[in-house]
Amino acid sequence: MAATKWEYRRRWAHLFNEMSIMREMGEEGWQLCGVYIALLYFKRPLQQ
């Protein structure tokens, strides 16, 4: 069985735009996989 390959992206966020960024990324198929200070880290399976 082949392992899933992922693409990753990070976005700067702050209190006033955090939810809209998460909504936008979710609609594009991204999954939130980490948060560090003002950065949100996302991943999604690579389109092949």
PDB file of N, CA and C in Angstrom:
ATOM      1  N   MET A   1       0.842  -1.173   0.000  1.00  0.00           N
ATOM      2  CA  MET A   1       0.000   0.000   0.000  1.00  0.00           C
ATOM      3  C   MET A   1       0.890   1.240   0.000  1.00  0.00           C
ATOM      4  N   ALA A   2       0.589   2.180  -0.863  1.00  0.00           N
ATOM      5  CA  ALA A   2       1.385   3.399  -0.983  1.00  0.00           C
ATOM      6  C   ALA A   2       1.013   4.392   0.119  1.00  0.00           C
ATOM      7  N   ALA A   3       2.018   5.076   0.629  1.00  0.00           N
ATOM      8  CA  ALA A   3       1.790   6.089   1.661  1.00  0.00           C
ATOM      9  C   ALA A   3       1.220   7.352   1.023  1.00  0.00           C
ATOM     10  N   THR A   4       0.366   8.025   1.747  1.00  0.00           N
ATOM     11  CA  THR A   4      -0.203   9.284   1.265  1.00  0.00           C
ATOM     12  C   THR A   4       0.865  10.362   1.283  1.00  0.00           C
ATOM     13  N   LYS A   5       0.963  11.108   0.200  1.00  0.00           N
ATOM     14  CA  LYS A   5       1.889  12.235   0.151  1.00  0.00           C
ATOM     15  C   LYS A   5       1.083  13.501   0.387  1.00  0.00           C
ATOM     16  N   TRP A   6       1.663  14.406   1.146  1.00  0.00           N
ATOM     17  CA  TRP A   6       0.967  15.620   1.550  1.00  0.00           C
ATOM     18  C   TRP A   6       1.665  16.856   1.011  1.00  0.00           C
ATOM     19  N   GLU A   7       0.883  17.904   0.807  1.00  0.00           N
ATOM     20  CA  GLU A   7       1.454  19.221   0.561  1.00  0.00           C
ATOM     21  C   GLU A   7       1.116  20.058   1.789  1.00  0.00           C
ATOM     22  N   TYR A   8       1.997  20.982   2.110  1.00  0.00           N
ATOM     23  CA  TYR A   8       1.851  21.765   3.331  1.00  0.00           C
ATOM     24  C   TYR A   8       1.820  23.249   3.000  1.00  0.00           C
ATOM     25  N   ARG A   9       1.160  24.004   3.860  1.00  0.00           N
ATOM     26  CA  ARG A   9       1.091  25.450   3.691  1.00  0.00           C
ATOM     27  C   ARG A   9       0.944  26.083   5.066  1.00  0.00           C
ATOM     28  N   ARG A  10       1.510  27.253   5.224  1.00  0.00           N
ATOM     29  CA  ARG A  10       1.318  27.983   6.474  1.00  0.00           C
ATOM     30  C   ARG A  10       0.778  29.363   6.166  1.00  0.00           C
ATOM     31  N   ARG A  11      -0.022  29.872   7.078  1.00  0.00           N
ATOM     32  CA  ARG A  11      -0.656  31.189   6.899  1.00  0.00           C
ATOM     33  C   ARG A  11      -0.501  31.980   8.186  1.00  0.00           C
ATOM     34  N   TRP A  12      -0.186  33.264   8.056  1.00  0.00           N
ATOM     35  CA  TRP A  12      -0.148  34.176   9.202  1.00  0.00           C
ATOM     36  C   TRP A  12      -1.581  34.491   9.588  1.00  0.00           C
ATOM     37  N   ALA A  13      -1.842  34.523  10.864  1.00  0.00           N
ATOM     38  CA  ALA A  13      -3.191  34.821  11.328  1.00  0.00           C
ATOM     39  C   ALA A  13      -3.126  35.668  12.596  1.00  0.00           C
ATOM     40  N   HIS A  14      -4.200  36.375  12.847  1.00  0.00           N
ATOM     41  CA  HIS A  14      -4.350  37.100  14.101  1.00  0.00           C
ATOM     42  C   HIS A  14      -5.802  36.990  14.528  1.00  0.00           C
ATOM     43  N   LEU A  15      -6.112  37.542  15.643  1.00  0.00           N
ATOM     44  CA  LEU A  15      -7.428  37.394  16.245  1.00  0.00           C
ATOM     45  C   LEU A  15      -8.572  37.736  15.293  1.00  0.00           C
ATOM     46  N   PHE A  16      -8.385  38.721  14.429  1.00  0.00           N
ATOM     47  CA  PHE A  16      -9.483  39.212  13.608  1.00  0.00           C
ATOM     48  C   PHE A  16      -9.670  38.465  12.289  1.00  0.00           C
ATOM     49  N   ASN A  17      -8.700  37.665  11.848  1.00  0.00           N
ATOM     50  CA  ASN A  17      -8.868  36.960  10.578  1.00  0.00           C
ATOM     51  C   ASN A  17      -8.679  35.443  10.687  1.00  0.00           C
ATOM     52  N   GLU A  18      -8.429  34.951  11.879  1.00  0.00           N
ATOM     53  CA  GLU A  18      -8.143  33.532  12.069  1.00  0.00           C
ATOM     54  C   GLU A  18      -9.275  32.626  11.570  1.00  0.00           C
ATOM     55  N   MET A  19     -10.503  32.912  11.950  1.00  0.00           N
ATOM     56  CA  MET A  19     -11.626  32.054  11.553  1.00  0.00           C
ATOM     57  C   MET A  19     -11.882  32.109  10.048  1.00  0.00           C
ATOM     58  N   SER A  20     -11.734  33.279   9.435  1.00  0.00           N
ATOM     59  CA  SER A  20     -11.961  33.358   7.988  1.00  0.00           C
ATOM     60  C   SER A  20     -10.874  32.599   7.229  1.00  0.00           C
ATOM     61  N   ILE A  21      -9.641  32.612   7.714  1.00  0.00           N
ATOM     62  CA  ILE A  21      -8.570  31.837   7.080  1.00  0.00           C
ATOM     63  C   ILE A  21      -8.867  30.348   7.199  1.00  0.00           C
ATOM     64  N   MET A  22      -9.273  29.890   8.395  1.00  0.00           N
ATOM     65  CA  MET A  22      -9.561  28.466   8.573  1.00  0.00           C
ATOM     66  C   MET A  22     -10.746  28.037   7.705  1.00  0.00           C
ATOM     67  N   ARG A  23     -11.754  28.872   7.577  1.00  0.00           N
ATOM     68  CA  ARG A  23     -12.910  28.558   6.725  1.00  0.00           C
ATOM     69  C   ARG A  23     -12.477  28.457   5.258  1.00  0.00           C
ATOM     70  N   GLU A  24     -11.715  29.445   4.795  1.00  0.00           N
ATOM     71  CA  GLU A  24     -11.243  29.469   3.404  1.00  0.00           C
ATOM     72  C   GLU A  24     -10.383  28.238   3.089  1.00  0.00           C
ATOM     73  N   MET A  25      -9.446  27.928   3.970  1.00  0.00           N
ATOM     74  CA  MET A  25      -8.556  26.788   3.732  1.00  0.00           C
ATOM     75  C   MET A  25      -9.344  25.470   3.763  1.00  0.00           C
ATOM     76  N   GLY A  26     -10.300  25.352   4.676  1.00  0.00           N
ATOM     77  CA  GLY A  26     -11.123  24.149   4.756  1.00  0.00           C
ATOM     78  C   GLY A  26     -11.927  23.924   3.489  1.00  0.00           C
ATOM     79  N   GLU A  27     -12.450  24.989   2.915  1.00  0.00           N
ATOM     80  CA  GLU A  27     -13.214  24.871   1.668  1.00  0.00           C
ATOM     81  C   GLU A  27     -12.337  24.406   0.509  1.00  0.00           C
ATOM     82  N   GLU A  28     -11.041  24.668   0.592  1.00  0.00           N
ATOM     83  CA  GLU A  28     -10.095  24.249  -0.445  1.00  0.00           C
ATOM     84  C   GLU A  28      -9.502  22.868  -0.155  1.00  0.00           C
ATOM     85  N   GLY A  29      -9.966  22.210   0.912  1.00  0.00           N
ATOM     86  CA  GLY A  29      -9.526  20.851   1.211  1.00  0.00           C
ATOM     87  C   GLY A  29      -8.338  20.750   2.159  1.00  0.00           C
ATOM     88  N   TRP A  30      -7.922  21.862   2.752  1.00  0.00           N
ATOM     89  CA  TRP A  30      -6.796  21.851   3.686  1.00  0.00           C
ATOM     90  C   TRP A  30      -7.274  21.449   5.069  1.00  0.00           C
ATOM     91  N   GLN A  31      -6.402  20.744   5.826  1.00  0.00           N
ATOM     92  CA  GLN A  31      -6.684  20.353   7.201  1.00  0.00           C
ATOM     93  C   GLN A  31      -5.714  21.089   8.110  1.00  0.00           C
ATOM     94  N   LEU A  32      -6.226  21.670   9.182  1.00  0.00           N
ATOM     95  CA  LEU A  32      -5.365  22.322  10.160  1.00  0.00           C
ATOM     96  C   LEU A  32      -4.563  21.246  10.880  1.00  0.00           C
ATOM     97  N   CYS A  33      -3.243  21.385  10.891  1.00  0.00           N
ATOM     98  CA  CYS A  33      -2.416  20.362  11.549  1.00  0.00           C
ATOM     99  C   CYS A  33      -1.484  20.942  12.599  1.00  0.00           C
ATOM    100  N   GLY A  34      -1.483  22.261  12.779  1.00  0.00           N
ATOM    101  CA  GLY A  34      -0.648  22.839  13.815  1.00  0.00           C
ATOM    102  C   GLY A  34      -0.853  24.337  13.943  1.00  0.00           C
ATOM    103  N   VAL A  35      -0.531  24.831  15.134  1.00  0.00           N
ATOM    104  CA  VAL A  35      -0.626  26.263  15.417  1.00  0.00           C
ATOM    105  C   VAL A  35       0.610  26.636  16.217  1.00  0.00           C
ATOM    106  N   TYR A  36       1.261  27.732  15.824  1.00  0.00           N
ATOM    107  CA  TYR A  36       2.404  28.217  16.573  1.00  0.00           C
ATOM    108  C   TYR A  36       2.384  29.737  16.554  1.00  0.00           C
ATOM    109  N   ILE A  37       2.147  30.339  17.683  1.00  0.00           N
ATOM    110  CA  ILE A  37       2.032  31.785  17.879  1.00  0.00           C
ATOM    111  C   ILE A  37       1.051  32.361  16.853  1.00  0.00           C
ATOM    112  N   ALA A  38       1.523  32.991  15.778  1.00  0.00           N
ATOM    113  CA  ALA A  38       0.619  33.612  14.799  1.00  0.00           C
ATOM    114  C   ALA A  38       0.590  32.846  13.480  1.00  0.00           C
ATOM    115  N   LEU A  39       1.078  31.616  13.458  1.00  0.00           N
ATOM    116  CA  LEU A  39       1.095  30.814  12.229  1.00  0.00           C
ATOM    117  C   LEU A  39       0.139  29.636  12.351  1.00  0.00           C
ATOM    118  N   LEU A  40      -0.630  29.434  11.298  1.00  0.00           N
ATOM    119  CA  LEU A  40      -1.486  28.253  11.192  1.00  0.00           C
ATOM    120  C   LEU A  40      -0.871  27.353  10.130  1.00  0.00           C
ATOM    121  N   TYR A  41      -0.694  26.077  10.452  1.00  0.00           N
ATOM    122  CA  TYR A  41      -0.113  25.112   9.526  1.00  0.00           C
ATOM    123  C   TYR A  41      -1.205  24.187   9.011  1.00  0.00           C
ATOM    124  N   PHE A  42      -1.236  24.006   7.692  1.00  0.00           N
ATOM    125  CA  PHE A  42      -2.246  23.181   7.040  1.00  0.00           C
ATOM    126  C   PHE A  42      -1.587  22.116   6.174  1.00  0.00           C
ATOM    127  N   LYS A  43      -2.332  21.029   5.937  1.00  0.00           N
ATOM    128  CA  LYS A  43      -1.872  19.998   5.005  1.00  0.00           C
ATOM    129  C   LYS A  43      -3.080  19.476   4.247  1.00  0.00           C
ATOM    130  N   ARG A  44      -2.802  18.918   3.054  1.00  0.00           N
ATOM    131  CA  ARG A  44      -3.831  18.217   2.271  1.00  0.00           C
ATOM    132  C   ARG A  44      -3.121  17.208   1.383  1.00  0.00           C
ATOM    133  N   PRO A  45      -3.831  16.134   1.006  1.00  0.00           N
ATOM    134  CA  PRO A  45      -3.222  15.129   0.130  1.00  0.00           C
ATOM    135  C   PRO A  45      -2.840  15.754  -1.207  1.00  0.00           C
ATOM    136  N   LEU A  46      -1.699  15.348  -1.729  1.00  0.00           N
ATOM    137  CA  LEU A  46      -1.262  15.839  -3.035  1.00  0.00           C
ATOM    138  C   LEU A  46      -2.204  15.370  -4.131  1.00  0.00           C
ATOM    139  N   GLN A  47      -2.546  16.251  -5.031  1.00  0.00           N
ATOM    140  CA  GLN A  47      -3.370  15.913  -6.186  1.00  0.00           C
ATOM    141  C   GLN A  47      -2.468  15.302  -7.254  1.00  0.00           C
ATOM    142  N   GLN A  48      -2.724  14.047  -7.627  1.00  0.00           N
ATOM    143  CA  GLN A  48      -1.883  13.382  -8.622  1.00  0.00           C
ATOM    144  C   GLN A  48      -2.697  12.909  -9.788  1.00  0.00           C
TER     145      GLN A  48
END
